[in-house]
Amino acid sequence: MREFETSTVVERDIGTVMEAYWRAETWPQFTRHVRAVDIHFEDDNTQILSLHVDTRGKRDVFKTVRIRQVREIHYFQPVPPPTLLRHHGAWLFWSRGPATEI
């Protein structure tokens, strides 16, 4: 199993950054590979959505479940892309003064 970890700092407060990551419906405006998002269920802490993404020259649709906690957003795909056995992870958010480390 391959795992990776990376971090970046965004010059915005943690609340603003977490909200931007949570608002999946806006992702097509900011990402090259996400073309559309269908939200099937959403409350304050849980989302079930379908991501329409361009991968390897074709469009695929992946169902994703996301759970928001205090400073974390966890995700998994119940049926991952064919090339993956599992696809899951989390974004962890840390306040760095006026900025946020993800």
PDB file of N, CA and C in Angstrom:
ATOM      1  N   MET A   1       0.838  -1.163   0.000  1.00  0.00           N
ATOM      2  CA  MET A   1       0.000   0.000   0.000  1.00  0.00           C
ATOM      3  C   MET A   1       0.891   1.236   0.000  1.00  0.00           C
ATOM      4  N   ARG A   2       0.553   2.188  -0.852  1.00  0.00           N
ATOM      5  CA  ARG A   2       1.308   3.433  -0.900  1.00  0.00           C
ATOM      6  C   ARG A   2       0.611   4.482  -0.058  1.00  0.00           C
ATOM      7  N   GLU A   3       1.407   5.221   0.655  1.00  0.00           N
ATOM      8  CA  GLU A   3       0.904   6.325   1.455  1.00  0.00           C
ATOM      9  C   GLU A   3       1.767   7.533   1.176  1.00  0.00           C
ATOM     10  N   PHE A   4       1.178   8.707   1.313  1.00  0.00           N
ATOM     11  CA  PHE A   4       1.991   9.908   1.205  1.00  0.00           C
ATOM     12  C   PHE A   4       1.415  10.974   2.113  1.00  0.00           C
ATOM     13  N   GLU A   5       2.273  11.896   2.422  1.00  0.00           N
ATOM     14  CA  GLU A   5       1.891  13.002   3.292  1.00  0.00           C
ATOM     15  C   GLU A   5       2.570  14.254   2.764  1.00  0.00           C
ATOM     16  N   THR A   6       1.846  15.331   2.781  1.00  0.00           N
ATOM     17  CA  THR A   6       2.388  16.613   2.355  1.00  0.00           C
ATOM     18  C   THR A   6       1.726  17.704   3.183  1.00  0.00           C
ATOM     19  N   SER A   7       2.310  18.862   3.206  1.00  0.00           N
ATOM     20  CA  SER A   7       1.673  19.976   3.912  1.00  0.00           C
ATOM     21  C   SER A   7       1.934  21.269   3.155  1.00  0.00           C
ATOM     22  N   THR A   8       1.066  22.211   3.429  1.00  0.00           N
ATOM     23  CA  THR A   8       1.197  23.535   2.844  1.00  0.00           C
ATOM     24  C   THR A   8       0.625  24.544   3.823  1.00  0.00           C
ATOM     25  N   VAL A   9       0.972  25.783   3.655  1.00  0.00           N
ATOM     26  CA  VAL A   9       0.442  26.849   4.505  1.00  0.00           C
ATOM     27  C   VAL A   9      -0.373  27.793   3.634  1.00  0.00           C
ATOM     28  N   VAL A  10      -1.569  28.095   4.101  1.00  0.00           N
ATOM     29  CA  VAL A  10      -2.471  29.013   3.410  1.00  0.00           C
ATOM     30  C   VAL A  10      -2.607  30.258   4.276  1.00  0.00           C
ATOM     31  N   GLU A  11      -2.464  31.403   3.690  1.00  0.00           N
ATOM     32  CA  GLU A  11      -2.488  32.660   4.433  1.00  0.00           C
ATOM     33  C   GLU A  11      -3.915  33.122   4.724  1.00  0.00           C
ATOM     34  N   ARG A  12      -4.682  32.250   5.362  1.00  0.00           N
ATOM     35  CA  ARG A  12      -6.055  32.539   5.793  1.00  0.00           C
ATOM     36  C   ARG A  12      -6.271  31.841   7.128  1.00  0.00           C
ATOM     37  N   ASP A  13      -7.257  32.308   7.893  1.00  0.00           N
ATOM     38  CA  ASP A  13      -7.542  31.704   9.191  1.00  0.00           C
ATOM     39  C   ASP A  13      -8.116  30.295   9.011  1.00  0.00           C
ATOM     40  N   ILE A  14      -8.002  29.484  10.042  1.00  0.00           N
ATOM     41  CA  ILE A  14      -8.371  28.083   9.964  1.00  0.00           C
ATOM     42  C   ILE A  14      -9.846  27.877   9.608  1.00  0.00           C
ATOM     43  N   GLY A  15     -10.742  28.715  10.124  1.00  0.00           N
ATOM     44  CA  GLY A  15     -12.160  28.579   9.812  1.00  0.00           C
ATOM     45  C   GLY A  15     -12.452  28.778   8.331  1.00  0.00           C
ATOM     46  N   THR A  16     -11.827  29.768   7.733  1.00  0.00           N
ATOM     47  CA  THR A  16     -12.011  30.040   6.310  1.00  0.00           C
ATOM     48  C   THR A  16     -11.478  28.898   5.459  1.00  0.00           C
ATOM     49  N   VAL A  17     -10.313  28.383   5.817  1.00  0.00           N
ATOM     50  CA  VAL A  17      -9.691  27.310   5.045  1.00  0.00           C
ATOM     51  C   VAL A  17     -10.502  26.019   5.164  1.00  0.00           C
ATOM     52  N   MET A  18     -10.916  25.669   6.376  1.00  0.00           N
ATOM     53  CA  MET A  18     -11.714  24.449   6.539  1.00  0.00           C
ATOM     54  C   MET A  18     -13.024  24.539   5.768  1.00  0.00           C
ATOM     55  N   GLU A  19     -13.648  25.688   5.788  1.00  0.00           N
ATOM     56  CA  GLU A  19     -14.911  25.863   5.058  1.00  0.00           C
ATOM     57  C   GLU A  19     -14.697  25.710   3.554  1.00  0.00           C
ATOM     58  N   ALA A  20     -13.592  26.226   3.043  1.00  0.00           N
ATOM     59  CA  ALA A  20     -13.292  26.082   1.614  1.00  0.00           C
ATOM     60  C   ALA A  20     -13.118  24.608   1.244  1.00  0.00           C
ATOM     61  N   TYR A  21     -12.443  23.838   2.086  1.00  0.00           N
ATOM     62  CA  TYR A  21     -12.278  22.410   1.817  1.00  0.00           C
ATOM     63  C   TYR A  21     -13.603  21.665   1.954  1.00  0.00           C
ATOM     64  N   TRP A  22     -14.462  22.107   2.855  1.00  0.00           N
ATOM     65  CA  TRP A  22     -15.741  21.438   3.073  1.00  0.00           C
ATOM     66  C   TRP A  22     -16.725  21.703   1.933  1.00  0.00           C
ATOM     67  N   ARG A  23     -16.652  22.856   1.316  1.00  0.00           N
ATOM     68  CA  ARG A  23     -17.601  23.225   0.262  1.00  0.00           C
ATOM     69  C   ARG A  23     -17.207  22.577  -1.064  1.00  0.00           C
ATOM     70  N   ALA A  24     -17.420  21.287  -1.154  1.00  0.00           N
ATOM     71  CA  ALA A  24     -17.005  20.511  -2.327  1.00  0.00           C
ATOM     72  C   ALA A  24     -17.675  20.990  -3.607  1.00  0.00           C
ATOM     73  N   GLU A  25     -18.847  21.574  -3.512  1.00  0.00           N
ATOM     74  CA  GLU A  25     -19.545  22.036  -4.719  1.00  0.00           C
ATOM     75  C   GLU A  25     -18.769  23.117  -5.460  1.00  0.00           C
ATOM     76  N   THR A  26     -17.822  23.758  -4.802  1.00  0.00           N
ATOM     77  CA  THR A  26     -17.025  24.804  -5.453  1.00  0.00           C
ATOM     78  C   THR A  26     -15.744  24.256  -6.091  1.00  0.00           C
ATOM     79  N   TRP A  27     -15.422  23.011  -5.859  1.00  0.00           N
ATOM     80  CA  TRP A  27     -14.160  22.453  -6.358  1.00  0.00           C
ATOM     81  C   TRP A  27     -13.957  22.594  -7.860  1.00  0.00           C
ATOM     82  N   PRO A  28     -14.995  22.441  -8.685  1.00  0.00           N
ATOM     83  CA  PRO A  28     -14.748  22.608 -10.131  1.00  0.00           C
ATOM     84  C   PRO A  28     -14.188  23.987 -10.503  1.00  0.00           C
ATOM     85  N   GLN A  29     -14.411  24.984  -9.655  1.00  0.00           N
ATOM     86  CA  GLN A  29     -13.877  26.318  -9.919  1.00  0.00           C
ATOM     87  C   GLN A  29     -12.369  26.405  -9.634  1.00  0.00           C
ATOM     88  N   PHE A  30     -11.861  25.504  -8.789  1.00  0.00           N
ATOM     89  CA  PHE A  30     -10.496  25.632  -8.302  1.00  0.00           C
ATOM     90  C   PHE A  30      -9.575  24.476  -8.665  1.00  0.00           C
ATOM     91  N   THR A  31     -10.111  23.383  -9.176  1.00  0.00           N
ATOM     92  CA  THR A  31      -9.285  22.223  -9.497  1.00  0.00           C
ATOM     93  C   THR A  31      -9.427  21.883 -10.973  1.00  0.00           C
ATOM     94  N   ARG A  32      -8.382  21.367 -11.550  1.00  0.00           N
ATOM     95  CA  ARG A  32      -8.413  21.022 -12.974  1.00  0.00           C
ATOM     96  C   ARG A  32      -9.150  19.713 -13.241  1.00  0.00           C
ATOM     97  N   HIS A  33      -9.044  18.754 -12.341  1.00  0.00           N
ATOM     98  CA  HIS A  33      -9.573  17.425 -12.621  1.00  0.00           C
ATOM     99  C   HIS A  33     -11.016  17.212 -12.166  1.00  0.00           C
ATOM    100  N   VAL A  34     -11.522  17.998 -11.210  1.00  0.00           N
ATOM    101  CA  VAL A  34     -12.911  17.844 -10.761  1.00  0.00           C
ATOM    102  C   VAL A  34     -13.795  18.705 -11.655  1.00  0.00           C
ATOM    103  N   ARG A  35     -14.672  18.043 -12.399  1.00  0.00           N
ATOM    104  CA  ARG A  35     -15.542  18.743 -13.353  1.00  0.00           C
ATOM    105  C   ARG A  35     -16.907  19.072 -12.782  1.00  0.00           C
ATOM    106  N   ALA A  36     -17.415  18.237 -11.874  1.00  0.00           N
ATOM    107  CA  ALA A  36     -18.717  18.471 -11.260  1.00  0.00           C
ATOM    108  C   ALA A  36     -18.792  17.699  -9.954  1.00  0.00           C
ATOM    109  N   VAL A  37     -19.675  18.152  -9.076  1.00  0.00           N
ATOM    110  CA  VAL A  37     -19.892  17.493  -7.792  1.00  0.00           C
ATOM    111  C   VAL A  37     -21.393  17.381  -7.577  1.00  0.00           C
ATOM    112  N   ASP A  38     -21.865  16.176  -7.290  1.00  0.00           N
ATOM    113  CA  ASP A  38     -23.262  15.946  -6.916  1.00  0.00           C
ATOM    114  C   ASP A  38     -23.281  15.614  -5.436  1.00  0.00           C
ATOM    115  N   ILE A  39     -23.971  16.425  -4.643  1.00  0.00           N
ATOM    116  CA  ILE A  39     -24.071  16.157  -3.210  1.00  0.00           C
ATOM    117  C   ILE A  39     -25.366  15.397  -2.960  1.00  0.00           C
ATOM    118  N   HIS A  40     -25.234  14.166  -2.453  1.00  0.00           N
ATOM    119  CA  HIS A  40     -26.381  13.298  -2.198  1.00  0.00           C
ATOM    120  C   HIS A  40     -26.920  13.485  -0.787  1.00  0.00           C
ATOM    121  N   PHE A  41     -26.029  13.800   0.153  1.00  0.00           N
ATOM    122  CA  PHE A  41     -26.416  14.033   1.542  1.00  0.00           C
ATOM    123  C   PHE A  41     -25.392  14.967   2.159  1.00  0.00           C
ATOM    124  N   GLU A  42     -25.886  15.875   3.003  1.00  0.00           N
ATOM    125  CA  GLU A  42     -24.968  16.763   3.710  1.00  0.00           C
ATOM    126  C   GLU A  42     -25.631  17.258   4.973  1.00  0.00           C
ATOM    127  N   ASP A  43     -24.896  17.184   6.075  1.00  0.00           N
ATOM    128  CA  ASP A  43     -25.282  17.884   7.288  1.00  0.00           C
ATOM    129  C   ASP A  43     -24.026  18.605   7.783  1.00  0.00           C
ATOM    130  N   ASP A  44     -24.003  19.047   9.013  1.00  0.00           N
ATOM    131  CA  ASP A  44     -22.853  19.819   9.492  1.00  0.00           C
ATOM    132  C   ASP A  44     -21.537  19.036   9.494  1.00  0.00           C
ATOM    133  N   ASN A  45     -21.619  17.704   9.617  1.00  0.00           N
ATOM    134  CA  ASN A  45     -20.399  16.921   9.789  1.00  0.00           C
ATOM    135  C   ASN A  45     -20.214  15.774   8.812  1.00  0.00           C
ATOM    136  N   THR A  46     -21.173  15.530   7.940  1.00  0.00           N
ATOM    137  CA  THR A  46     -21.091  14.398   7.018  1.00  0.00           C
ATOM    138  C   THR A  46     -21.519  14.826   5.622  1.00  0.00           C
ATOM    139  N   GLN A  47     -20.814  14.330   4.622  1.00  0.00           N
ATOM    140  CA  GLN A  47     -21.200  14.530   3.222  1.00  0.00           C
ATOM    141  C   GLN A  47     -21.082  13.200   2.484  1.00  0.00           C
ATOM    142  N   ILE A  48     -22.032  12.959   1.607  1.00  0.00           N
ATOM    143  CA  ILE A  48     -21.936  11.866   0.648  1.00  0.00           C
ATOM    144  C   ILE A  48     -22.090  12.521  -0.709  1.00  0.00           C
ATOM    145  N   LEU A  49     -21.089  12.360  -1.555  1.00  0.00           N
ATOM    146  CA  LEU A  49     -21.104  13.066  -2.824  1.00  0.00           C
ATOM    147  C   LEU A  49     -20.490  12.226  -3.927  1.00  0.00           C
ATOM    148  N   SER A  50     -20.765  12.612  -5.146  1.00  0.00           N
ATOM    149  CA  SER A  50     -20.134  12.006  -6.310  1.00  0.00           C
ATOM    150  C   SER A  50     -19.266  13.054  -6.978  1.00  0.00           C
ATOM    151  N   LEU A  51     -18.020  12.684  -7.226  1.00  0.00           N
ATOM    152  CA  LEU A  51     -17.086  13.564  -7.908  1.00  0.00           C
ATOM    153  C   LEU A  51     -16.968  13.109  -9.352  1.00  0.00           C
ATOM    154  N   HIS A  52     -17.186  14.013 -10.281  1.00  0.00           N
ATOM    155  CA  HIS A  52     -16.982  13.758 -11.711  1.00  0.00           C
ATOM    156  C   HIS A  52     -15.589  14.282 -12.035  1.00  0.00           C
ATOM    157  N   VAL A  53     -14.658  13.371 -12.283  1.00  0.00           N
ATOM    158  CA  VAL A  53     -13.261  13.763 -12.457  1.00  0.00           C
ATOM    159  C   VAL A  53     -12.710  13.272 -13.789  1.00  0.00           C
ATOM    160  N   ASP A  54     -11.785  14.041 -14.323  1.00  0.00           N
ATOM    161  CA  ASP A  54     -11.062  13.643 -15.524  1.00  0.00           C
ATOM    162  C   ASP A  54      -9.801  12.906 -15.091  1.00  0.00           C
ATOM    163  N   THR A  55      -9.695  11.639 -15.509  1.00  0.00           N
ATOM    164  CA  THR A  55      -8.526  10.832 -15.191  1.00  0.00           C
ATOM    165  C   THR A  55      -8.105  10.057 -16.426  1.00  0.00           C
ATOM    166  N   ARG A  56      -6.848  10.168 -16.751  1.00  0.00           N
ATOM    167  CA  ARG A  56      -6.277   9.415 -17.871  1.00  0.00           C
ATOM    168  C   ARG A  56      -7.076   9.580 -19.154  1.00  0.00           C
ATOM    169  N   GLY A  57      -7.497  10.801 -19.421  1.00  0.00           N
ATOM    170  CA  GLY A  57      -8.174  11.098 -20.671  1.00  0.00           C
ATOM    171  C   GLY A  57      -9.640  10.720 -20.730  1.00  0.00           C
ATOM    172  N   LYS A  58     -10.232  10.324 -19.603  1.00  0.00           N
ATOM    173  CA  LYS A  58     -11.655  10.009 -19.605  1.00  0.00           C
ATOM    174  C   LYS A  58     -12.295  10.552 -18.336  1.00  0.00           C
ATOM    175  N   ARG A  59     -13.606  10.615 -18.357  1.00  0.00           N
ATOM    176  CA  ARG A  59     -14.352  11.120 -17.203  1.00  0.00           C
ATOM    177  C   ARG A  59     -14.838   9.937 -16.373  1.00  0.00           C
ATOM    178  N   ASP A  60     -14.561   9.981 -15.076  1.00  0.00           N
ATOM    179  CA  ASP A  60     -15.016   8.965 -14.134  1.00  0.00           C
ATOM    180  C   ASP A  60     -15.849   9.634 -13.050  1.00  0.00           C
ATOM    181  N   VAL A  61     -16.679   8.853 -12.403  1.00  0.00           N
ATOM    182  CA  VAL A  61     -17.493   9.333 -11.287  1.00  0.00           C
ATOM    183  C   VAL A  61     -17.182   8.458 -10.080  1.00  0.00           C
ATOM    184  N   PHE A  62     -16.809   9.104  -8.966  1.00  0.00           N
ATOM    185  CA  PHE A  62     -16.457   8.384  -7.753  1.00  0.00           C
ATOM    186  C   PHE A  62     -17.301   8.882  -6.596  1.00  0.00           C
ATOM    187  N   LYS A  63     -17.940   7.956  -5.909  1.00  0.00           N
ATOM    188  CA  LYS A  63     -18.696   8.293  -4.705  1.00  0.00           C
ATOM    189  C   LYS A  63     -17.703   8.473  -3.565  1.00  0.00           C
ATOM    190  N   THR A  64     -17.893   9.516  -2.782  1.00  0.00           N
ATOM    191  CA  THR A  64     -17.002   9.838  -1.681  1.00  0.00           C
ATOM    192  C   THR A  64     -17.821  10.160  -0.443  1.00  0.00           C
ATOM    193  N   VAL A  65     -17.363   9.662   0.695  1.00  0.00           N
ATOM    194  CA  VAL A  65     -17.972   9.975   1.986  1.00  0.00           C
ATOM    195  C   VAL A  65     -16.956  10.803   2.754  1.00  0.00           C
ATOM    196  N   ARG A  66     -17.425  11.934   3.306  1.00  0.00           N
ATOM    197  CA  ARG A  66     -16.522  12.811   4.062  1.00  0.00           C
ATOM    198  C   ARG A  66     -17.106  13.087   5.438  1.00  0.00           C
ATOM    199  N   ILE A  67     -16.236  13.121   6.438  1.00  0.00           N
ATOM    200  CA  ILE A  67     -16.647  13.376   7.812  1.00  0.00           C
ATOM    201  C   ILE A  67     -15.778  14.494   8.364  1.00  0.00           C
ATOM    202  N   ARG A  68     -16.449  15.532   8.872  1.00  0.00           N
ATOM    203  CA  ARG A  68     -15.731  16.684   9.431  1.00  0.00           C
ATOM    204  C   ARG A  68     -15.717  16.571  10.950  1.00  0.00           C
ATOM    205  N   GLN A  69     -14.513  16.743  11.505  1.00  0.00           N
ATOM    206  CA  GLN A  69     -14.341  16.794  12.945  1.00  0.00           C
ATOM    207  C   GLN A  69     -13.749  18.150  13.291  1.00  0.00           C
ATOM    208  N   VAL A  70     -13.306  18.327  14.512  1.00  0.00           N
ATOM    209  CA  VAL A  70     -12.886  19.653  14.985  1.00  0.00           C
ATOM    210  C   VAL A  70     -11.887  20.322  14.048  1.00  0.00           C
ATOM    211  N   ARG A  71     -10.751  19.698  13.764  1.00  0.00           N
ATOM    212  CA  ARG A  71      -9.738  20.257  12.872  1.00  0.00           C
ATOM    213  C   ARG A  71      -9.339  19.259  11.795  1.00  0.00           C
ATOM    214  N   GLU A  72     -10.278  18.422  11.381  1.00  0.00           N
ATOM    215  CA  GLU A  72      -9.968  17.366  10.417  1.00  0.00           C
ATOM    216  C   GLU A  72     -11.153  17.132   9.489  1.00  0.00           C
ATOM    217  N   ILE A  73     -10.862  16.764   8.256  1.00  0.00           N
ATOM    218  CA  ILE A  73     -11.870  16.265   7.328  1.00  0.00           C
ATOM    219  C   ILE A  73     -11.339  14.941   6.793  1.00  0.00           C
ATOM    220  N   HIS A  74     -12.036  13.855   7.115  1.00  0.00           N
ATOM    221  CA  HIS A  74     -11.661  12.518   6.660  1.00  0.00           C
ATOM    222  C   HIS A  74     -12.511  12.155   5.455  1.00  0.00           C
ATOM    223  N   TYR A  75     -11.952  11.352   4.555  1.00  0.00           N
ATOM    224  CA  TYR A  75     -12.718  10.911   3.388  1.00  0.00           C
ATOM    225  C   TYR A  75     -12.371   9.475   3.037  1.00  0.00           C
ATOM    226  N   PHE A  76     -13.330   8.812   2.386  1.00  0.00           N
ATOM    227  CA  PHE A  76     -13.052   7.507   1.792  1.00  0.00           C
ATOM    228  C   PHE A  76     -14.005   7.299   0.628  1.00  0.00           C
ATOM    229  N   GLN A  77     -13.593   6.441  -0.264  1.00  0.00           N
ATOM    230  CA  GLN A  77     -14.419   6.078  -1.409  1.00  0.00           C
ATOM    231  C   GLN A  77     -14.828   4.619  -1.243  1.00  0.00           C
ATOM    232  N   PRO A  78     -16.136   4.358  -1.025  1.00  0.00           N
ATOM    233  CA  PRO A  78     -16.587   2.986  -0.817  1.00  0.00           C
ATOM    234  C   PRO A  78     -16.240   2.066  -1.986  1.00  0.00           C
ATOM    235  N   VAL A  79     -16.279   2.605  -3.193  1.00  0.00           N
ATOM    236  CA  VAL A  79     -15.869   1.858  -4.386  1.00  0.00           C
ATOM    237  C   VAL A  79     -14.775   2.708  -5.041  1.00  0.00           C
ATOM    238  N   PRO A  80     -13.517   2.411  -4.733  1.00  0.00           N
ATOM    239  CA  PRO A  80     -12.427   3.253  -5.248  1.00  0.00           C
ATOM    240  C   PRO A  80     -12.235   3.074  -6.753  1.00  0.00           C
ATOM    241  N   PRO A  81     -11.449   3.966  -7.353  1.00  0.00           N
ATOM    242  CA  PRO A  81     -11.120   3.808  -8.772  1.00  0.00           C
ATOM    243  C   PRO A  81     -10.532   2.417  -9.030  1.00  0.00           C
ATOM    244  N   PRO A  82     -10.710   1.898 -10.241  1.00  0.00           N
ATOM    245  CA  PRO A  82     -10.249   0.533 -10.544  1.00  0.00           C
ATOM    246  C   PRO A  82      -8.774   0.280 -10.266  1.00  0.00           C
ATOM    247  N   THR A  83      -7.950   1.292 -10.330  1.00  0.00           N
ATOM    248  CA  THR A  83      -6.510   1.093 -10.123  1.00  0.00           C
ATOM    249  C   THR A  83      -6.119   1.076  -8.646  1.00  0.00           C
ATOM    250  N   LEU A  84      -7.087   1.303  -7.749  1.00  0.00           N
ATOM    251  CA  LEU A  84      -6.786   1.355  -6.324  1.00  0.00           C
ATOM    252  C   LEU A  84      -7.571   0.297  -5.561  1.00  0.00           C
ATOM    253  N   LEU A  85      -6.939  -0.301  -4.562  1.00  0.00           N
ATOM    254  CA  LEU A  85      -7.663  -1.208  -3.678  1.00  0.00           C
ATOM    255  C   LEU A  85      -8.477  -0.426  -2.658  1.00  0.00           C
ATOM    256  N   ARG A  86      -7.909   0.689  -2.204  1.00  0.00           N
ATOM    257  CA  ARG A  86      -8.569   1.582  -1.244  1.00  0.00           C
ATOM    258  C   ARG A  86      -8.189   3.004  -1.585  1.00  0.00           C
ATOM    259  N   HIS A  87      -9.081   3.907  -1.248  1.00  0.00           N
ATOM    260  CA  HIS A  87      -8.757   5.323  -1.380  1.00  0.00           C
ATOM    261  C   HIS A  87      -9.396   6.041  -0.211  1.00  0.00           C
ATOM    262  N   HIS A  88      -8.550   6.494   0.702  1.00  0.00           N
ATOM    263  CA  HIS A  88      -9.024   7.189   1.894  1.00  0.00           C
ATOM    264  C   HIS A  88      -7.923   8.096   2.410  1.00  0.00           C
ATOM    265  N   GLY A  89      -8.299   9.028   3.248  1.00  0.00           N
ATOM    266  CA  GLY A  89      -7.306   9.927   3.805  1.00  0.00           C
ATOM    267  C   GLY A  89      -7.958  11.003   4.639  1.00  0.00           C
ATOM    268  N   ALA A  90      -7.189  12.026   4.939  1.00  0.00           N
ATOM    269  CA  ALA A  90      -7.691  13.123   5.769  1.00  0.00           C
ATOM    270  C   ALA A  90      -6.876  14.377   5.515  1.00  0.00           C
ATOM    271  N   TRP A  91      -7.536  15.489   5.707  1.00  0.00           N
ATOM    272  CA  TRP A  91      -6.859  16.777   5.768  1.00  0.00           C
ATOM    273  C   TRP A  91      -6.871  17.188   7.230  1.00  0.00           C
ATOM    274  N   LEU A  92      -5.721  17.536   7.763  1.00  0.00           N
ATOM    275  CA  LEU A  92      -5.588  17.993   9.137  1.00  0.00           C
ATOM    276  C   LEU A  92      -5.226  19.468   9.095  1.00  0.00           C
ATOM    277  N   PHE A  93      -5.924  20.276   9.854  1.00  0.00           N
ATOM    278  CA  PHE A  93      -5.773  21.730   9.807  1.00  0.00           C
ATOM    279  C   PHE A  93      -5.193  22.227  11.123  1.00  0.00           C
ATOM    280  N   TRP A  94      -4.151  23.047  11.022  1.00  0.00           N
ATOM    281  CA  TRP A  94      -3.483  23.602  12.196  1.00  0.00           C
ATOM    282  C   TRP A  94      -3.380  25.112  12.056  1.00  0.00           C
ATOM    283  N   SER A  95      -3.800  25.810  13.081  1.00  0.00           N
ATOM    284  CA  SER A  95      -3.691  27.270  13.081  1.00  0.00           C
ATOM    285  C   SER A  95      -2.231  27.666  13.295  1.00  0.00           C
ATOM    286  N   ARG A  96      -1.755  28.539  12.435  1.00  0.00           N
ATOM    287  CA  ARG A  96      -0.395  29.075  12.514  1.00  0.00           C
ATOM    288  C   ARG A  96      -0.494  30.588  12.533  1.00  0.00           C
ATOM    289  N   GLY A  97      -1.011  31.120  13.657  1.00  0.00           N
ATOM    290  CA  GLY A  97      -1.256  32.560  13.739  1.00  0.00           C
ATOM    291  C   GLY A  97      -2.366  32.929  12.786  1.00  0.00           C
ATOM    292  N   PRO A  98      -2.140  33.891  11.903  1.00  0.00           N
ATOM    293  CA  PRO A  98      -3.183  34.272  10.939  1.00  0.00           C
ATOM    294  C   PRO A  98      -3.288  33.302   9.761  1.00  0.00           C
ATOM    295  N   ALA A  99      -2.426  32.290   9.711  1.00  0.00           N
ATOM    296  CA  ALA A  99      -2.404  31.342   8.598  1.00  0.00           C
ATOM    297  C   ALA A  99      -2.864  29.963   9.077  1.00  0.00           C
ATOM    298  N   THR A 100      -2.985  29.036   8.109  1.00  0.00           N
ATOM    299  CA  THR A 100      -3.398  27.665   8.408  1.00  0.00           C
ATOM    300  C   THR A 100      -2.473  26.702   7.696  1.00  0.00           C
ATOM    301  N   GLU A 101      -1.972  25.717   8.438  1.00  0.00           N
ATOM    302  CA  GLU A 101      -1.196  24.646   7.835  1.00  0.00           C
ATOM    303  C   GLU A 101      -2.130  23.466   7.603  1.00  0.00           C
ATOM    304  N   ILE A 102      -2.043  22.905   6.406  1.00  0.00           N
ATOM    305  CA  ILE A 102      -2.867  21.752   6.047  1.00  0.00           C
ATOM    306  C   ILE A 102      -1.925  20.596   5.796  1.00  0.00           C
TER     307      ILE A 102
END
